[in-house]
């Protein structure tokens, strides 16, 4: 048992000395994007019904060689809040997509069941995706499947 712990200690010292020259720097950068959702049929056609606010906390590590315990790539968690922009409760079904620099979808968060939001209220959906792509590189888009007023 002592031999194993001494070997482990020796290995830990070698690894620590090997990484001593470079300092691991961890940075978190916040990216934001807001999208307006416009109704496409019925009473909501052409009406700006909601605003989708995205916030990505992107964590980067430099240099990777110094961050032995760090991830293999940089990533960011995308959080979503939806704010109603209409004076009546509204039911929304949507597909939120993150886009790459060429405008192609690289991730998606769908709500096909739907959420109902009271007038002028904000719904904190929370974490919707974790991506190695920075939100501001390609942006995002919202595709509505439904935007209906509800009693």
N, C-alpha and C. Protein backbone atom coordinates (compact mmCIF):
# COMPACT_ATOMS: atom_id res chain seq x y z
N UNK A 1 0.82 -1.19 0.00
CA UNK A 1 0.00 0.00 0.00
C UNK A 1 0.86 1.26 0.00
N UNK A 2 1.95 1.25 0.80
CA UNK A 2 2.84 2.40 0.86
C UNK A 2 3.54 2.63 -0.47
N UNK A 3 3.90 1.56 -1.14
CA UNK A 3 4.60 1.68 -2.42
C UNK A 3 3.70 2.38 -3.43
N UNK A 4 2.43 1.98 -3.47
CA UNK A 4 1.48 2.61 -4.41
C UNK A 4 1.33 4.09 -4.11
N UNK A 5 1.16 4.44 -2.86
CA UNK A 5 0.97 5.85 -2.53
C UNK A 5 2.22 6.66 -2.82
N UNK A 6 3.42 6.08 -2.63
CA UNK A 6 4.66 6.78 -2.96
C UNK A 6 4.79 6.96 -4.46
N UNK A 7 4.42 5.93 -5.22
CA UNK A 7 4.46 6.05 -6.69
C UNK A 7 3.49 7.13 -7.15
N UNK A 8 2.31 7.12 -6.57
CA UNK A 8 1.31 8.11 -6.93
C UNK A 8 1.81 9.52 -6.60
N UNK A 9 2.42 9.68 -5.42
CA UNK A 9 2.95 10.97 -5.02
C UNK A 9 4.07 11.42 -5.95
N UNK A 10 4.93 10.49 -6.32
CA UNK A 10 6.03 10.81 -7.24
C UNK A 10 5.47 11.23 -8.61
N UNK A 11 4.48 10.51 -9.09
CA UNK A 11 3.85 10.84 -10.37
C UNK A 11 3.19 12.22 -10.30
N UNK A 12 2.52 12.51 -9.21
CA UNK A 12 1.87 13.81 -9.04
C UNK A 12 2.90 14.94 -9.05
N UNK A 13 4.04 14.72 -8.41
CA UNK A 13 5.09 15.74 -8.39
C UNK A 13 5.65 15.96 -9.79
N UNK A 14 5.89 14.88 -10.53
CA UNK A 14 6.40 15.00 -11.90
C UNK A 14 5.42 15.77 -12.76
N UNK A 15 4.14 15.46 -12.64
CA UNK A 15 3.14 16.17 -13.44
C UNK A 15 3.07 17.64 -13.04
N UNK A 16 3.14 17.92 -11.76
CA UNK A 16 3.09 19.30 -11.31
C UNK A 16 4.29 20.09 -11.79
N UNK A 17 5.47 19.49 -11.73
CA UNK A 17 6.69 20.16 -12.19
C UNK A 17 6.64 20.35 -13.70
N UNK A 18 6.12 19.35 -14.42
CA UNK A 18 6.03 19.42 -15.87
C UNK A 18 5.13 20.54 -16.34
N UNK A 19 4.11 20.88 -15.56
CA UNK A 19 3.17 21.93 -15.94
C UNK A 19 3.53 23.27 -15.31
N UNK A 20 4.60 23.32 -14.57
CA UNK A 20 4.95 24.52 -13.82
C UNK A 20 5.24 25.72 -14.72
N UNK A 21 5.83 25.50 -15.89
CA UNK A 21 6.23 26.60 -16.76
C UNK A 21 5.07 27.38 -17.33
N UNK A 22 3.95 26.74 -17.61
CA UNK A 22 2.80 27.42 -18.21
C UNK A 22 1.69 27.55 -17.17
N UNK A 23 1.00 28.64 -17.22
CA UNK A 23 -0.08 28.87 -16.27
C UNK A 23 -1.42 28.73 -16.97
N UNK A 24 -2.27 27.90 -16.41
CA UNK A 24 -3.59 27.70 -16.98
C UNK A 24 -4.46 28.92 -16.67
N UNK A 25 -5.01 29.52 -17.72
CA UNK A 25 -5.90 30.67 -17.54
C UNK A 25 -7.30 30.24 -17.98
N UNK A 26 -8.26 30.45 -17.10
CA UNK A 26 -9.65 30.14 -17.39
C UNK A 26 -10.40 31.46 -17.44
N UNK A 27 -11.06 31.69 -18.56
CA UNK A 27 -11.82 32.92 -18.74
C UNK A 27 -13.25 32.59 -19.11
N UNK A 28 -14.17 33.37 -18.56
CA UNK A 28 -15.57 33.24 -18.93
C UNK A 28 -15.99 34.54 -19.61
N UNK A 29 -16.51 34.40 -20.83
CA UNK A 29 -16.99 35.55 -21.58
C UNK A 29 -18.48 35.35 -21.81
N UNK A 30 -19.25 36.39 -21.64
CA UNK A 30 -20.69 36.29 -21.82
C UNK A 30 -21.10 36.89 -23.16
N UNK A 31 -21.85 36.11 -23.91
CA UNK A 31 -22.38 36.55 -25.20
C UNK A 31 -23.90 36.58 -25.10
N UNK A 32 -24.51 37.57 -25.76
CA UNK A 32 -25.96 37.70 -25.71
C UNK A 32 -26.52 37.85 -27.13
N UNK A 33 -27.76 37.45 -27.26
CA UNK A 33 -28.47 37.59 -28.53
C UNK A 33 -29.95 37.68 -28.21
N UNK A 34 -30.66 38.62 -28.84
CA UNK A 34 -32.10 38.74 -28.68
C UNK A 34 -32.77 38.56 -30.03
N UNK A 35 -33.85 37.81 -30.02
CA UNK A 35 -34.60 37.52 -31.25
C UNK A 35 -36.07 37.86 -31.02
N UNK A 36 -36.70 38.49 -32.00
CA UNK A 36 -38.13 38.75 -31.94
C UNK A 36 -38.87 37.65 -32.66
N UNK A 37 -39.94 37.14 -32.02
CA UNK A 37 -40.79 36.12 -32.64
C UNK A 37 -42.04 36.81 -33.15
N UNK A 38 -42.31 36.62 -34.43
CA UNK A 38 -43.45 37.26 -35.08
C UNK A 38 -44.44 36.18 -35.51
N UNK A 39 -45.71 36.37 -35.08
CA UNK A 39 -46.76 35.42 -35.43
C UNK A 39 -46.93 35.31 -36.93
N UNK A 40 -47.37 34.14 -37.38
CA UNK A 40 -47.45 33.90 -38.82
C UNK A 40 -48.83 33.49 -39.31
N UNK A 41 -49.80 33.34 -38.39
CA UNK A 41 -51.14 32.92 -38.82
C UNK A 41 -52.18 33.41 -37.82
N UNK A 42 -53.41 33.51 -38.29
CA UNK A 42 -54.52 33.87 -37.41
C UNK A 42 -54.36 35.26 -36.82
N UNK A 43 -54.81 35.40 -35.58
CA UNK A 43 -54.83 36.71 -34.92
C UNK A 43 -53.43 37.25 -34.64
N UNK A 44 -52.42 36.39 -34.61
CA UNK A 44 -51.06 36.85 -34.32
C UNK A 44 -50.24 37.13 -35.58
N UNK A 45 -50.83 36.95 -36.76
CA UNK A 45 -50.08 37.14 -37.99
C UNK A 45 -49.49 38.55 -38.07
N UNK A 46 -48.16 38.60 -38.24
CA UNK A 46 -47.47 39.86 -38.36
C UNK A 46 -47.24 40.60 -37.05
N UNK A 47 -47.68 40.02 -35.92
CA UNK A 47 -47.54 40.65 -34.61
C UNK A 47 -46.28 40.14 -33.92
N UNK A 48 -45.50 41.07 -33.38
CA UNK A 48 -44.33 40.70 -32.59
C UNK A 48 -44.86 40.18 -31.24
N UNK A 49 -44.86 38.84 -31.05
CA UNK A 49 -45.50 38.24 -29.89
C UNK A 49 -44.55 38.02 -28.71
N UNK A 50 -43.26 37.84 -28.97
CA UNK A 50 -42.33 37.55 -27.88
C UNK A 50 -40.90 37.91 -28.27
N UNK A 51 -40.09 38.12 -27.22
CA UNK A 51 -38.66 38.32 -27.42
C UNK A 51 -37.93 37.17 -26.74
N UNK A 52 -37.03 36.55 -27.47
CA UNK A 52 -36.21 35.45 -26.96
C UNK A 52 -34.82 36.01 -26.66
N UNK A 53 -34.45 35.99 -25.39
CA UNK A 53 -33.15 36.50 -24.98
C UNK A 53 -32.23 35.33 -24.62
N UNK A 54 -31.12 35.25 -25.34
CA UNK A 54 -30.14 34.19 -25.12
C UNK A 54 -28.90 34.77 -24.45
N UNK A 55 -28.37 34.04 -23.48
CA UNK A 55 -27.12 34.41 -22.83
C UNK A 55 -26.25 33.16 -22.80
N UNK A 56 -25.03 33.30 -23.30
CA UNK A 56 -24.09 32.19 -23.28
C UNK A 56 -22.88 32.57 -22.42
N UNK A 57 -22.62 31.77 -21.41
CA UNK A 57 -21.43 31.92 -20.59
C UNK A 57 -20.39 30.96 -21.17
N UNK A 58 -19.44 31.52 -21.93
CA UNK A 58 -18.46 30.71 -22.65
C UNK A 58 -17.17 30.64 -21.85
N UNK A 59 -16.73 29.42 -21.53
CA UNK A 59 -15.53 29.20 -20.72
C UNK A 59 -14.40 28.74 -21.63
N UNK A 60 -13.29 29.48 -21.61
CA UNK A 60 -12.13 29.11 -22.43
C UNK A 60 -10.92 28.87 -21.53
N UNK A 61 -10.05 27.97 -21.97
CA UNK A 61 -8.85 27.59 -21.23
C UNK A 61 -7.64 27.81 -22.12
N UNK A 62 -6.63 28.52 -21.59
CA UNK A 62 -5.40 28.72 -22.36
C UNK A 62 -4.20 28.64 -21.44
N UNK A 63 -3.12 28.14 -21.88
CA UNK A 63 -3.02 27.13 -22.95
C UNK A 63 -3.50 25.78 -22.43
N UNK A 64 -3.99 24.96 -23.33
CA UNK A 64 -4.52 23.65 -22.93
C UNK A 64 -3.46 22.79 -22.24
N UNK A 65 -2.21 22.92 -22.66
CA UNK A 65 -1.15 22.10 -22.08
C UNK A 65 -1.03 22.33 -20.58
N UNK A 66 -1.32 23.55 -20.14
CA UNK A 66 -1.20 23.88 -18.73
C UNK A 66 -2.46 23.52 -17.94
N UNK A 67 -3.50 23.21 -18.64
CA UNK A 67 -4.79 22.93 -17.99
C UNK A 67 -5.06 21.42 -18.02
N UNK A 68 -4.21 20.67 -17.38
CA UNK A 68 -4.29 19.21 -17.43
C UNK A 68 -5.64 18.69 -16.95
N UNK A 69 -6.24 19.35 -16.00
CA UNK A 69 -7.52 18.90 -15.48
C UNK A 69 -8.70 19.54 -16.22
N UNK A 70 -8.41 20.37 -17.19
CA UNK A 70 -9.46 21.09 -17.91
C UNK A 70 -10.11 20.25 -18.99
N UNK A 71 -11.08 20.82 -19.69
CA UNK A 71 -11.77 20.10 -20.76
C UNK A 71 -10.90 19.99 -22.01
N UNK A 72 -11.36 19.17 -22.94
CA UNK A 72 -10.65 19.00 -24.21
C UNK A 72 -10.98 20.12 -25.19
N UNK A 73 -12.06 20.85 -24.93
CA UNK A 73 -12.41 21.99 -25.78
C UNK A 73 -13.15 23.03 -24.94
N UNK A 74 -13.20 24.23 -25.45
CA UNK A 74 -13.92 25.30 -24.77
C UNK A 74 -15.41 25.16 -25.09
N UNK A 75 -16.25 25.47 -24.11
CA UNK A 75 -17.69 25.33 -24.29
C UNK A 75 -18.43 26.46 -23.58
N UNK A 76 -19.66 26.64 -23.99
CA UNK A 76 -20.51 27.65 -23.35
C UNK A 76 -21.92 27.15 -23.18
N UNK A 77 -22.50 27.44 -22.02
CA UNK A 77 -23.88 27.07 -21.72
C UNK A 77 -24.78 28.20 -22.20
N UNK A 78 -25.82 27.85 -22.97
CA UNK A 78 -26.77 28.82 -23.49
C UNK A 78 -28.04 28.77 -22.64
N UNK A 79 -28.42 29.93 -22.07
CA UNK A 79 -29.64 30.05 -21.28
C UNK A 79 -30.64 30.90 -22.05
N UNK A 80 -31.93 30.63 -21.81
CA UNK A 80 -33.00 31.30 -22.55
C UNK A 80 -34.04 31.90 -21.61
N UNK A 81 -34.46 33.13 -21.94
CA UNK A 81 -35.62 33.76 -21.31
C UNK A 81 -36.52 34.23 -22.44
N UNK A 82 -37.83 34.05 -22.25
CA UNK A 82 -38.82 34.47 -23.25
C UNK A 82 -39.73 35.50 -22.60
N UNK A 83 -39.87 36.66 -23.24
CA UNK A 83 -40.72 37.73 -22.72
C UNK A 83 -41.89 37.95 -23.67
N UNK A 84 -43.10 37.92 -23.13
CA UNK A 84 -44.30 38.20 -23.92
C UNK A 84 -44.32 39.68 -24.26
N UNK A 85 -44.69 39.98 -25.50
CA UNK A 85 -44.77 41.37 -25.96
C UNK A 85 -46.20 41.77 -26.31
N UNK A 86 -47.16 40.92 -25.93
CA UNK A 86 -48.57 41.17 -26.28
C UNK A 86 -49.42 41.29 -25.01
N UNK A 87 -50.58 41.98 -25.12
CA UNK A 87 -51.42 42.22 -23.94
C UNK A 87 -52.37 41.07 -23.58
N UNK A 88 -52.19 39.92 -24.22
CA UNK A 88 -53.03 38.74 -23.99
C UNK A 88 -52.12 37.54 -23.78
N UNK A 89 -52.52 36.57 -22.93
CA UNK A 89 -51.69 35.37 -22.80
C UNK A 89 -51.47 34.72 -24.17
N UNK A 90 -50.27 34.22 -24.37
CA UNK A 90 -49.92 33.67 -25.67
C UNK A 90 -49.27 32.29 -25.49
N UNK A 91 -49.66 31.36 -26.35
CA UNK A 91 -49.08 30.02 -26.38
C UNK A 91 -48.06 29.98 -27.51
N UNK A 92 -46.83 29.57 -27.19
CA UNK A 92 -45.77 29.50 -28.17
C UNK A 92 -45.22 28.08 -28.27
N UNK A 93 -45.08 27.62 -29.48
CA UNK A 93 -44.34 26.39 -29.77
C UNK A 93 -43.24 26.82 -30.73
N UNK A 94 -42.00 26.41 -30.45
CA UNK A 94 -40.90 26.98 -31.21
C UNK A 94 -39.74 26.01 -31.35
N UNK A 95 -38.88 26.35 -32.29
CA UNK A 95 -37.59 25.67 -32.47
C UNK A 95 -36.54 26.77 -32.49
N UNK A 96 -35.71 26.78 -31.45
CA UNK A 96 -34.62 27.75 -31.34
C UNK A 96 -33.36 27.08 -31.88
N UNK A 97 -32.69 27.73 -32.82
CA UNK A 97 -31.51 27.14 -33.45
C UNK A 97 -30.30 28.04 -33.33
N UNK A 98 -29.16 27.45 -32.95
CA UNK A 98 -27.89 28.14 -32.99
C UNK A 98 -27.29 27.95 -34.37
N UNK A 99 -26.68 28.99 -34.90
CA UNK A 99 -26.16 28.95 -36.27
C UNK A 99 -24.65 29.09 -36.29
N UNK A 100 -24.02 28.47 -37.31
CA UNK A 100 -22.58 28.66 -37.48
C UNK A 100 -22.35 29.92 -38.31
N UNK A 101 -21.09 30.19 -38.65
CA UNK A 101 -20.74 31.41 -39.39
C UNK A 101 -21.40 31.47 -40.77
N UNK A 102 -21.75 30.30 -41.32
CA UNK A 102 -22.39 30.25 -42.64
C UNK A 102 -23.91 30.29 -42.56
N UNK A 103 -24.45 30.40 -41.33
CA UNK A 103 -25.90 30.46 -41.16
C UNK A 103 -26.57 29.10 -41.11
N UNK A 104 -25.78 28.03 -40.96
CA UNK A 104 -26.33 26.68 -40.89
C UNK A 104 -26.58 26.29 -39.44
N UNK A 105 -27.69 25.58 -39.16
CA UNK A 105 -27.98 25.17 -37.78
C UNK A 105 -26.92 24.19 -37.25
N UNK A 106 -26.46 24.45 -36.01
CA UNK A 106 -25.49 23.55 -35.39
C UNK A 106 -26.02 22.98 -34.08
N UNK A 107 -27.07 23.58 -33.54
CA UNK A 107 -27.77 23.01 -32.39
C UNK A 107 -29.21 23.50 -32.41
N UNK A 108 -30.06 22.80 -31.66
CA UNK A 108 -31.47 23.13 -31.66
C UNK A 108 -32.09 22.84 -30.29
N UNK A 109 -33.03 23.67 -29.90
CA UNK A 109 -33.84 23.43 -28.70
C UNK A 109 -35.29 23.63 -29.12
N UNK A 110 -36.06 22.55 -29.06
CA UNK A 110 -37.46 22.62 -29.49
C UNK A 110 -38.40 22.52 -28.29
N UNK A 111 -39.46 23.30 -28.35
CA UNK A 111 -40.56 23.16 -27.40
C UNK A 111 -41.79 22.91 -28.25
N UNK A 112 -42.10 21.64 -28.45
CA UNK A 112 -43.24 21.27 -29.29
C UNK A 112 -44.53 21.11 -28.49
N UNK A 113 -44.40 21.08 -27.15
CA UNK A 113 -45.59 21.02 -26.29
C UNK A 113 -46.17 22.42 -26.17
N UNK A 114 -45.30 23.38 -26.03
CA UNK A 114 -45.72 24.77 -25.97
C UNK A 114 -45.64 25.34 -24.57
N UNK A 115 -45.41 26.65 -24.51
CA UNK A 115 -45.39 27.39 -23.25
C UNK A 115 -46.40 28.52 -23.37
N UNK A 116 -47.11 28.77 -22.29
CA UNK A 116 -48.04 29.89 -22.25
C UNK A 116 -47.43 30.96 -21.36
N UNK A 117 -47.38 32.17 -21.88
CA UNK A 117 -46.79 33.29 -21.16
C UNK A 117 -47.85 34.38 -20.97
N UNK A 118 -47.96 34.85 -19.73
CA UNK A 118 -48.91 35.92 -19.41
C UNK A 118 -48.43 37.22 -20.05
N UNK A 119 -49.35 38.17 -20.23
CA UNK A 119 -48.99 39.45 -20.85
C UNK A 119 -47.83 40.14 -20.15
N UNK A 120 -46.88 40.58 -20.95
CA UNK A 120 -45.72 41.35 -20.47
C UNK A 120 -44.92 40.65 -19.37
N UNK A 121 -44.94 39.33 -19.32
CA UNK A 121 -44.20 38.55 -18.33
C UNK A 121 -43.02 37.86 -19.02
N UNK A 122 -42.03 37.47 -18.19
CA UNK A 122 -40.85 36.78 -18.69
C UNK A 122 -40.81 35.38 -18.11
N UNK A 123 -40.59 34.41 -18.97
CA UNK A 123 -40.42 33.02 -18.58
C UNK A 123 -38.94 32.68 -18.66
N UNK A 124 -38.36 32.25 -17.53
CA UNK A 124 -36.95 31.84 -17.51
C UNK A 124 -36.90 30.34 -17.82
N UNK A 125 -36.61 30.02 -19.07
CA UNK A 125 -36.55 28.62 -19.51
C UNK A 125 -35.32 27.95 -18.91
N UNK A 126 -34.23 28.70 -18.76
CA UNK A 126 -33.00 28.15 -18.20
C UNK A 126 -32.08 27.63 -19.29
N UNK A 127 -31.25 26.65 -18.93
CA UNK A 127 -30.26 26.10 -19.86
C UNK A 127 -30.94 25.32 -20.97
N UNK A 128 -30.60 25.68 -22.22
CA UNK A 128 -31.20 24.98 -23.36
C UNK A 128 -30.17 24.21 -24.19
N UNK A 129 -28.89 24.57 -24.05
CA UNK A 129 -27.87 23.87 -24.84
C UNK A 129 -26.48 24.21 -24.32
N UNK A 130 -25.55 23.30 -24.53
CA UNK A 130 -24.13 23.55 -24.28
C UNK A 130 -23.41 23.36 -25.60
N UNK A 131 -22.66 24.37 -26.01
CA UNK A 131 -22.06 24.36 -27.35
C UNK A 131 -20.60 24.80 -27.33
N UNK A 132 -19.78 24.16 -28.18
CA UNK A 132 -18.40 24.63 -28.34
C UNK A 132 -18.32 25.84 -29.29
N UNK A 133 -19.46 26.27 -29.82
CA UNK A 133 -19.50 27.41 -30.75
C UNK A 133 -19.97 28.65 -30.01
N UNK A 134 -19.28 29.76 -30.25
CA UNK A 134 -19.64 31.02 -29.62
C UNK A 134 -20.92 31.54 -30.25
N UNK A 135 -21.87 31.93 -29.42
CA UNK A 135 -23.18 32.39 -29.87
C UNK A 135 -23.09 33.51 -30.89
N UNK A 136 -22.17 34.43 -30.71
CA UNK A 136 -22.09 35.58 -31.61
C UNK A 136 -21.40 35.29 -32.94
N UNK A 137 -20.77 34.12 -33.08
CA UNK A 137 -20.13 33.79 -34.36
C UNK A 137 -21.14 33.66 -35.48
N UNK A 138 -22.22 32.94 -35.25
CA UNK A 138 -23.22 32.75 -36.30
C UNK A 138 -24.59 33.24 -35.89
N UNK A 139 -24.79 33.39 -34.59
CA UNK A 139 -26.07 33.87 -34.10
C UNK A 139 -27.06 32.74 -33.88
N UNK A 140 -28.32 33.09 -33.97
CA UNK A 140 -29.40 32.15 -33.70
C UNK A 140 -30.63 32.59 -34.47
N UNK A 141 -31.59 31.70 -34.55
CA UNK A 141 -32.88 32.05 -35.15
C UNK A 141 -33.99 31.30 -34.42
N UNK A 142 -35.17 31.87 -34.51
CA UNK A 142 -36.34 31.26 -33.89
C UNK A 142 -37.33 30.91 -34.98
N UNK A 143 -37.79 29.66 -34.97
CA UNK A 143 -38.80 29.20 -35.91
C UNK A 143 -40.05 28.87 -35.10
N UNK A 144 -41.11 29.62 -35.30
CA UNK A 144 -42.36 29.37 -34.57
C UNK A 144 -43.17 28.29 -35.26
N UNK A 145 -43.67 27.33 -34.48
CA UNK A 145 -44.63 26.36 -35.00
C UNK A 145 -46.05 26.81 -34.65
N UNK A 146 -46.16 27.57 -33.54
CA UNK A 146 -47.46 28.11 -33.14
C UNK A 146 -47.25 29.36 -32.31
N UNK A 147 -48.12 30.33 -32.51
CA UNK A 147 -48.19 31.54 -31.69
C UNK A 147 -49.67 31.90 -31.65
N UNK A 148 -50.34 31.48 -30.56
CA UNK A 148 -51.78 31.63 -30.47
C UNK A 148 -52.16 32.32 -29.17
N UNK A 149 -53.15 33.22 -29.28
CA UNK A 149 -53.69 33.82 -28.06
C UNK A 149 -54.53 32.77 -27.34
N UNK A 150 -54.47 32.77 -26.02
CA UNK A 150 -55.27 31.81 -25.24
C UNK A 150 -56.09 32.58 -24.22
N UNK A 151 -57.26 32.03 -23.87
CA UNK A 151 -58.12 32.73 -22.90
C UNK A 151 -57.54 32.74 -21.49
